[in-house]
Amino acid sequence: MIQPGPAAQRLRGSQRAWLAQPPREDQPPIALDKGDPSFGTPEYICEAAIRAIRDGYTHYPPGPGYGDLRAAIATKLSSHTARPFNADEVFITSGGTGAIFAALAAFLAPGDQIVTLDPTYSIYVDVGRALDVDTVYVPLAAGFRVDLEALAAAITPQTRALVINSPNNPTGSVLTAAELDGMAALAERHDLLVVSDEVYDRILFDGRHHVSALDHPGLVERTVLVNSFSKSYAMTGWRIGYVAGRRDLVTATGTLHRTMVGGVSTPAQRAALAAITDPAEADWLTWMQGQYCSRRAALVQALASAGLPVDQAPEGSFYAFFRHGLDLASADVTGALADHGVLVRSGSEFGPSGEGYLRVTFTNDEAEIAEGVRRIGATLKALTRPELLA
């Protein structure tokens, strides 16, 4: 009998599997679980893809991605990074997920360790499992801040990489300059690769500014930057992202990526080029940021009114992470909520420190956010009285 190999077996039990509970016929579920904007891709980007198809961009793309797209990304990066970048230091990937897998697979071997903050985006851990690499979690301090002493203590002779994510999924926290300084010092001291996932870099609140790992002189030569068009340009279904960094790091990452994908969709690459070069970009980003600002306020207020205040209002990204307040496993609470018409993510999916929390998105419109939180509040209240759950 054919059996799954070790990599697939190590991924059994991952909480990243999409919730599959059938919806109640009388109450269609409200999906607050996925980081997928309710609005569509901007028209100017869609039109660029249509033009590309009509102009014959339907064949295999160049392996690293189209040179003009890579050059445009390099130009954007060079406007704020610690040194200028060029097109040879950018590689187009199949979304952010493909970039993360390729970056870690290119540099890690079985028995190596990666260190990541806790809670953290669960894909890093799943990639580690697939590669037979150990993940060391470093719990965040109060307010979802980095505990640099704990981070230093977690590094061992087997540690090869530090994985960071800012703005953060699931907590919504944004790294400060001081936190980045501390992590840079540790990475230099222990000669670590840094994989910096920055896919939410354009979704920030209260006047905050994103500081990239590539902006830091101590990190720029040891970092593989991961970014994507999915979040900032509402292109989740297009599956296009990129890595950037020192040329040899990017080349190694690209070599792994080519074995998995071969090349990224040609029309999607032409659309991505328009996304960051068309004059319409500025108006789109302003509109998008305004939408998320309003939706964030609506979610935080609704949670507070339901007696579920967040520990820290999201500083960036489009997630809120809050305590459910019950003496139940987060995965069980998530299942009960799905049964009662609202989909969320279990905090334990994001690491041991996430137990007791739930993650919700504010990618939905404000009416859906309000109704979703109402269902959450009612179900959590009922969970203290099981007879109300019938």
Protein backbone atom coordinates (compact mmCIF):
# COMPACT_ATOMS: atom_id res chain seq x y z
CA MET A 1 0.00 0.00 0.00
CA ILE A 2 1.34 3.41 -0.95
CA GLN A 3 1.90 5.61 2.10
CA PRO A 4 2.72 9.33 2.44
CA GLY A 5 6.40 10.09 2.85
CA PRO A 6 8.00 11.59 5.96
CA ALA A 7 7.47 15.22 4.93
CA ALA A 8 3.72 14.77 4.47
CA GLN A 9 3.46 12.73 7.66
CA ARG A 10 5.19 15.45 9.67
CA LEU A 11 2.50 17.89 8.52
CA ARG A 12 -0.37 15.75 9.78
CA GLY A 13 -2.34 17.56 12.45
CA SER A 14 -1.41 21.03 11.24
CA GLN A 15 -4.07 23.53 12.27
CA ARG A 16 -3.62 25.41 8.98
CA ALA A 17 -6.21 23.17 7.32
CA TRP A 18 -9.20 25.33 6.33
CA LEU A 19 -12.26 24.86 8.46
CA ALA A 20 -14.58 22.45 6.71
CA GLN A 21 -17.67 22.40 8.91
CA PRO A 22 -20.85 22.53 6.81
CA PRO A 23 -22.74 25.79 7.34
CA ARG A 24 -26.07 25.81 9.11
CA GLU A 25 -28.79 26.30 6.52
CA ASP A 26 -30.53 28.92 8.68
CA GLN A 27 -27.37 30.91 9.33
CA PRO A 28 -24.73 31.24 6.57
CA PRO A 29 -21.32 31.61 8.19
CA ILE A 30 -19.52 34.91 8.42
CA ALA A 31 -15.88 34.30 7.51
CA LEU A 32 -13.57 36.24 9.82
CA ASP A 33 -10.88 33.60 9.43
CA LYS A 34 -9.05 34.34 6.18
CA GLY A 35 -6.84 37.28 5.32
CA ASP A 36 -8.65 37.90 2.04
CA PRO A 37 -10.02 41.40 1.32
CA SER A 38 -13.74 41.69 0.65
CA PHE A 39 -13.04 44.08 -2.22
CA GLY A 40 -11.64 42.95 -5.54
CA THR A 41 -8.36 43.68 -7.28
CA PRO A 42 -8.20 47.30 -8.49
CA GLU A 43 -9.48 47.81 -12.02
CA TYR A 44 -6.21 49.28 -13.29
CA ILE A 45 -4.42 46.06 -12.34
CA CYS A 46 -7.07 43.83 -13.93
CA GLU A 47 -6.94 45.86 -17.14
CA ALA A 48 -3.17 45.41 -17.29
CA ALA A 49 -3.58 41.64 -17.12
CA ILE A 50 -6.19 41.69 -19.89
CA ARG A 51 -3.93 43.81 -22.09
CA ALA A 52 -1.05 41.45 -21.43
CA ILE A 53 -3.04 38.43 -22.55
CA ARG A 54 -4.16 40.22 -25.71
CA ASP A 55 -0.59 41.33 -26.37
CA GLY A 56 0.64 37.73 -26.31
CA TYR A 57 1.96 37.40 -22.77
CA THR A 58 0.76 33.81 -22.57
CA HIS A 59 4.05 31.90 -22.79
CA TYR A 60 6.64 30.78 -20.26
CA PRO A 61 8.12 33.68 -18.32
CA PRO A 62 11.83 34.18 -17.61
CA GLY A 63 12.91 31.98 -14.70
CA PRO A 64 13.58 34.77 -12.19
CA GLY A 65 10.61 36.80 -13.44
CA TYR A 66 10.38 39.61 -15.97
CA GLY A 67 13.30 41.99 -15.80
CA ASP A 68 11.16 45.13 -15.85
CA LEU A 69 9.09 43.88 -12.90
CA ARG A 70 12.19 42.96 -10.91
CA ALA A 71 13.75 46.33 -11.74
CA ALA A 72 10.60 48.17 -10.61
CA ILE A 73 10.62 46.28 -7.31
CA ALA A 74 14.33 47.03 -6.86
CA THR A 75 13.67 50.72 -7.47
CA LYS A 76 10.91 50.73 -4.85
CA LEU A 77 13.17 49.00 -2.35
CA SER A 78 16.09 51.31 -3.04
CA SER A 79 14.01 54.31 -2.00
CA HIS A 80 14.33 53.24 1.64
CA THR A 81 16.86 50.40 2.04
CA ALA A 82 20.32 50.55 3.59
CA ARG A 83 21.87 50.27 0.11
CA PRO A 84 20.62 50.36 -3.50
CA PHE A 85 19.20 47.18 -5.00
CA ASN A 86 19.09 46.01 -8.61
CA ALA A 87 16.95 43.58 -10.57
CA ASP A 88 19.39 40.69 -10.07
CA GLU A 89 18.65 40.86 -6.34
CA VAL A 90 14.92 40.23 -6.82
CA PHE A 91 13.23 36.92 -7.74
CA ILE A 92 9.51 36.60 -8.51
CA THR A 93 7.75 33.83 -6.57
CA SER A 94 4.44 32.03 -6.35
CA GLY A 95 3.02 34.26 -3.63
CA GLY A 96 4.55 34.83 -0.23
CA THR A 97 4.12 31.19 0.72
CA GLY A 98 6.29 29.98 -2.16
CA ALA A 99 8.89 32.56 -1.19
CA ILE A 100 8.96 31.41 2.44
CA PHE A 101 9.27 27.74 1.54
CA ALA A 102 12.03 28.35 -1.01
CA ALA A 103 14.00 30.67 1.28
CA LEU A 104 14.04 28.22 4.17
CA ALA A 105 14.59 25.14 1.98
CA ALA A 106 17.56 26.78 0.28
CA PHE A 107 19.56 27.20 3.48
CA LEU A 108 18.39 24.63 6.04
CA ALA A 109 19.10 20.94 6.53
CA PRO A 110 17.46 18.31 8.75
CA GLY A 111 18.40 18.88 12.38
CA ASP A 112 18.92 22.62 11.97
CA GLN A 113 16.87 25.05 14.04
CA ILE A 114 14.91 28.15 13.17
CA VAL A 115 13.92 30.66 15.82
CA THR A 116 10.68 32.58 15.54
CA LEU A 117 8.57 34.76 17.78
CA ASP A 118 5.46 33.32 19.44
CA PRO A 119 2.67 33.79 18.40
CA THR A 120 3.69 33.69 14.75
CA TYR A 121 2.36 32.88 11.30
CA SER A 122 1.93 29.12 11.29
CA ILE A 123 3.35 28.50 7.82
CA TYR A 124 6.91 28.94 9.13
CA VAL A 125 6.46 26.01 11.49
CA ASP A 126 4.83 23.85 8.83
CA VAL A 127 7.69 24.53 6.42
CA GLY A 128 10.09 23.57 9.19
CA ARG A 129 8.25 20.31 9.71
CA ALA A 130 8.33 19.53 6.00
CA LEU A 131 12.10 20.15 5.97
CA ASP A 132 12.66 18.18 9.21
CA VAL A 133 13.89 21.37 10.87
CA ASP A 134 13.19 22.20 14.52
CA THR A 135 11.31 25.38 15.36
CA VAL A 136 12.15 27.20 18.59
CA TYR A 137 9.40 29.53 19.80
CA VAL A 138 10.27 32.71 21.71
CA PRO A 139 7.20 34.08 23.52
CA LEU A 140 6.43 37.75 23.03
CA ALA A 141 6.33 40.00 26.08
CA ALA A 142 3.34 42.09 27.20
CA GLY A 143 1.80 44.16 24.43
CA PHE A 144 3.19 41.67 21.87
CA ARG A 145 6.69 43.17 22.17
CA VAL A 146 9.94 41.32 21.45
CA ASP A 147 11.75 39.96 24.51
CA LEU A 148 15.35 40.29 23.35
CA GLU A 149 16.77 38.48 26.39
CA ALA A 150 14.53 35.49 25.75
CA LEU A 151 15.45 35.60 22.06
CA ALA A 152 19.15 35.56 22.89
CA ALA A 153 18.67 32.62 25.25
CA ALA A 154 16.84 30.62 22.58
CA ILE A 155 19.73 30.63 20.10
CA THR A 156 21.84 27.46 20.11
CA PRO A 157 24.74 26.14 18.01
CA GLN A 158 22.11 24.45 15.80
CA THR A 159 20.27 27.71 15.06
CA ARG A 160 20.61 28.69 11.41
CA ALA A 161 17.83 31.21 10.81
CA LEU A 162 15.70 33.83 12.49
CA VAL A 163 12.24 34.27 10.97
CA ILE A 164 10.50 37.59 11.61
CA ASN A 165 7.17 39.01 10.46
CA SER A 166 6.24 42.68 10.67
CA PRO A 167 3.51 43.84 10.61
CA ASN A 168 2.69 40.65 12.40
CA ASN A 169 0.18 37.92 11.70
CA PRO A 170 -1.64 37.19 14.03
CA THR A 171 -1.01 39.92 16.62
CA GLY A 172 -0.98 43.04 14.43
CA SER A 173 2.16 44.31 16.16
CA VAL A 174 4.84 46.27 14.27
CA LEU A 175 8.54 45.97 15.07
CA THR A 176 10.15 49.06 16.54
CA ALA A 177 13.57 50.33 15.50
CA ALA A 178 14.96 49.26 18.89
CA GLU A 179 13.61 45.72 18.47
CA LEU A 180 15.13 45.50 15.01
CA ASP A 181 18.45 46.77 16.38
CA GLY A 182 18.45 44.04 19.01
CA MET A 183 17.63 41.30 16.54
CA ALA A 184 20.27 42.57 14.13
CA ALA A 185 22.91 42.37 16.86
CA LEU A 186 21.95 38.77 17.64
CA ALA A 187 21.88 37.77 13.98
CA GLU A 188 25.36 39.23 13.46
CA ARG A 189 26.75 37.66 16.63
CA HIS A 190 25.53 34.18 15.66
CA ASP A 191 25.85 34.55 11.86
CA LEU A 192 22.17 33.81 11.25
CA LEU A 193 20.15 34.02 8.08
CA VAL A 194 17.15 36.30 8.57
CA VAL A 195 13.94 35.61 6.66
CA SER A 196 11.81 38.74 6.97
CA ASP A 197 8.15 38.39 5.98
CA GLU A 198 6.85 41.89 5.25
CA VAL A 199 3.68 41.25 3.26
CA TYR A 200 1.62 43.74 5.31
CA ASP A 201 4.08 46.62 4.92
CA ARG A 202 1.47 48.96 3.39
CA ILE A 203 -1.24 48.30 6.02
CA LEU A 204 -0.32 50.43 9.04
CA PHE A 205 -2.27 52.55 11.52
CA ASP A 206 -1.94 55.61 13.75
CA GLY A 207 0.84 57.16 11.70
CA ARG A 208 3.23 54.22 12.02
CA HIS A 209 5.92 53.65 9.42
CA HIS A 210 7.22 50.29 8.33
CA VAL A 211 10.91 49.62 8.95
CA SER A 212 12.16 46.83 6.70
CA ALA A 213 14.95 44.46 7.64
CA LEU A 214 16.63 45.65 4.43
CA ASP A 215 16.64 49.19 5.87
CA HIS A 216 18.98 48.07 8.66
CA PRO A 217 22.74 48.15 7.95
CA GLY A 218 23.25 45.13 10.21
CA LEU A 219 20.63 43.03 8.43
CA VAL A 220 20.72 44.05 4.78
CA GLU A 221 23.44 41.55 3.79
CA ARG A 222 22.01 38.56 5.70
CA THR A 223 18.29 38.95 5.01
CA VAL A 224 15.99 37.32 2.49
CA LEU A 225 13.02 39.68 2.29
CA VAL A 226 9.65 38.08 1.52
CA ASN A 227 6.85 40.19 0.12
CA SER A 228 3.67 39.68 -1.88
CA PHE A 229 1.13 41.57 -3.95
CA SER A 230 -1.72 39.71 -2.23
CA LYS A 231 -2.43 42.00 0.69
CA SER A 232 -1.51 45.51 -0.42
CA TYR A 233 -3.11 45.18 -3.86
CA ALA A 234 -5.99 42.77 -3.10
CA MET A 235 -4.41 40.14 -5.35
CA THR A 236 -4.72 37.08 -3.10
CA GLY A 237 -5.87 34.84 -5.96
CA TRP A 238 -3.13 35.91 -8.37
CA ARG A 239 -0.41 34.12 -6.37
CA ILE A 240 2.51 36.44 -6.97
CA GLY A 241 5.21 37.60 -4.59
CA TYR A 242 8.96 38.01 -4.49
CA VAL A 243 12.15 37.66 -2.51
CA ALA A 244 14.86 40.30 -2.39
CA GLY A 245 18.28 40.45 -0.82
CA ARG A 246 21.95 39.88 -1.46
CA ARG A 247 22.39 38.32 -4.88
CA ASP A 248 23.76 34.94 -3.75
CA LEU A 249 20.98 34.54 -1.18
CA VAL A 250 18.33 35.33 -3.76
CA THR A 251 19.94 33.06 -6.37
CA ALA A 252 19.91 30.10 -3.97
CA THR A 253 16.31 30.80 -3.03
CA GLY A 254 15.34 31.11 -6.69
CA THR A 255 16.99 27.79 -7.52
CA LEU A 256 14.75 26.04 -5.00
CA HIS A 257 11.68 27.94 -6.18
CA ARG A 258 12.22 26.92 -9.82
CA THR A 259 12.16 23.25 -8.86
CA MET A 260 8.68 23.71 -7.37
CA VAL A 261 7.03 26.16 -9.77
CA GLY A 262 9.14 26.68 -12.87
CA GLY A 263 7.84 30.20 -13.36
CA VAL A 264 5.12 32.53 -12.14
CA SER A 265 2.05 33.27 -14.29
CA THR A 266 2.98 35.62 -17.12
CA PRO A 267 -0.23 37.74 -17.04
CA ALA A 268 0.04 37.99 -13.24
CA GLN A 269 3.55 39.41 -13.57
CA ARG A 270 2.37 42.05 -16.04
CA ALA A 271 -0.45 42.93 -13.65
CA ALA A 272 2.00 43.18 -10.76
CA LEU A 273 4.16 45.56 -12.77
CA ALA A 274 1.15 47.82 -13.30
CA ALA A 275 0.27 47.56 -9.61
CA ILE A 276 3.47 49.35 -8.56
CA THR A 277 4.15 51.60 -11.57
CA ASP A 278 0.76 52.90 -12.71
CA PRO A 279 -0.11 56.41 -11.42
CA ALA A 280 -3.37 54.93 -10.07
CA GLU A 281 -1.38 53.14 -7.35
CA ALA A 282 -1.30 56.15 -5.02
CA ASP A 283 -5.08 56.60 -5.05
CA TRP A 284 -5.61 52.87 -4.53
CA LEU A 285 -3.30 52.68 -1.51
CA THR A 286 -4.92 55.73 0.07
CA TRP A 287 -8.40 54.25 -0.41
CA MET A 288 -7.37 50.81 0.85
CA GLN A 289 -5.70 52.18 3.96
CA GLY A 290 -8.79 54.26 4.71
CA GLN A 291 -10.99 51.19 4.42
CA TYR A 292 -8.87 49.18 6.82
CA CYS A 293 -8.64 52.05 9.26
CA SER A 294 -12.45 52.25 9.45
CA ARG A 295 -12.85 48.47 9.66
CA ARG A 296 -10.21 48.22 12.38
CA ALA A 297 -12.05 50.80 14.47
CA ALA A 298 -15.33 48.97 13.94
CA LEU A 299 -13.83 45.64 15.01
CA VAL A 300 -12.06 46.96 18.10
CA GLN A 301 -15.24 48.74 19.21
CA ALA A 302 -17.42 45.69 18.58
CA LEU A 303 -15.09 43.43 20.54
CA ALA A 304 -14.98 45.86 23.45
CA SER A 305 -18.78 46.08 23.47
CA ALA A 306 -18.94 42.28 23.56
CA GLY A 307 -16.62 42.19 26.58
CA LEU A 308 -13.70 40.93 24.49
CA PRO A 309 -11.20 43.80 24.45
CA VAL A 310 -7.96 43.27 22.56
CA ASP A 311 -4.71 43.39 24.57
CA GLN A 312 -3.24 45.68 21.93
CA ALA A 313 -5.09 47.41 19.10
CA PRO A 314 -3.62 46.26 15.77
CA GLU A 315 -0.69 48.47 14.75
CA GLY A 316 -0.57 46.96 11.27
CA SER A 317 -1.90 44.08 9.12
CA PHE A 318 -5.64 43.35 9.25
CA TYR A 319 -5.91 41.00 12.22
CA ALA A 320 -6.96 41.31 15.84
CA PHE A 321 -5.83 38.79 18.44
CA PHE A 322 -7.87 38.57 21.63
CA ARG A 323 -8.51 36.28 24.59
CA HIS A 324 -11.68 34.22 24.49
CA GLY A 325 -11.75 34.02 28.30
CA LEU A 326 -12.96 30.43 28.59
CA ASP A 327 -11.42 27.39 30.24
CA LEU A 328 -11.45 25.61 26.90
CA ALA A 329 -8.88 24.91 24.22
CA SER A 330 -8.87 27.53 21.49
CA ALA A 331 -9.36 24.88 18.82
CA ASP A 332 -12.53 23.68 20.57
CA VAL A 333 -13.82 27.25 20.85
CA THR A 334 -13.12 27.77 17.15
CA GLY A 335 -15.12 24.65 16.31
CA ALA A 336 -18.07 25.80 18.42
CA LEU A 337 -18.02 29.20 16.74
CA ALA A 338 -18.05 27.55 13.31
CA ASP A 339 -21.08 25.52 14.37
CA HIS A 340 -22.80 28.79 15.26
CA GLY A 341 -22.14 30.73 12.11
CA VAL A 342 -18.81 32.50 12.41
CA LEU A 343 -15.39 31.31 11.25
CA VAL A 344 -12.26 32.43 13.13
CA ARG A 345 -8.77 31.02 13.64
CA SER A 346 -7.64 29.28 16.80
CA GLY A 347 -4.87 31.10 18.63
CA SER A 348 -3.05 27.81 19.21
CA GLU A 349 -2.50 27.55 15.44
CA PHE A 350 0.04 30.35 15.82
CA GLY A 351 2.14 28.78 18.56
CA PRO A 352 1.96 27.78 22.24
CA SER A 353 1.55 31.38 23.40
CA GLY A 354 -1.55 31.67 21.24
CA GLU A 355 -3.53 29.24 23.37
CA GLY A 356 -6.46 31.05 24.93
CA TYR A 357 -6.70 33.49 22.01
CA LEU A 358 -8.70 33.80 18.80
CA ARG A 359 -7.67 35.59 15.61
CA VAL A 360 -10.19 37.49 13.53
CA THR A 361 -9.72 39.57 10.42
CA PHE A 362 -11.18 42.94 9.56
CA THR A 363 -11.11 42.37 5.82
CA ASN A 364 -14.93 42.16 5.79
CA ASP A 365 -17.23 45.15 5.52
CA GLU A 366 -18.36 46.81 8.75
CA ALA A 367 -21.81 45.22 8.77
CA GLU A 368 -20.32 41.71 8.55
CA ILE A 369 -17.76 42.57 11.22
CA ALA A 370 -20.52 43.71 13.59
CA GLU A 371 -22.65 40.62 12.98
CA GLY A 372 -19.64 38.30 13.21
CA VAL A 373 -18.60 39.72 16.58
CA ARG A 374 -22.21 39.51 17.79
CA ARG A 375 -22.18 35.79 16.97
CA ILE A 376 -18.81 35.37 18.69
CA GLY A 377 -20.03 37.09 21.84
CA ALA A 378 -23.29 35.14 21.95
CA THR A 379 -21.56 31.80 21.40
CA LEU A 380 -18.83 32.41 23.98
CA LYS A 381 -21.48 33.38 26.51
CA ALA A 382 -23.45 30.25 25.69
CA LEU A 383 -20.36 28.06 26.07
CA THR A 384 -20.50 28.76 29.79
CA ARG A 385 -24.01 27.26 29.74
CA PRO A 386 -23.95 24.21 27.44
CA GLU A 387 -27.74 23.89 27.43
CA LEU A 388 -27.84 27.11 25.35
CA LEU A 389 -25.79 25.57 22.54
CA ALA A 390 -28.46 23.17 21.31
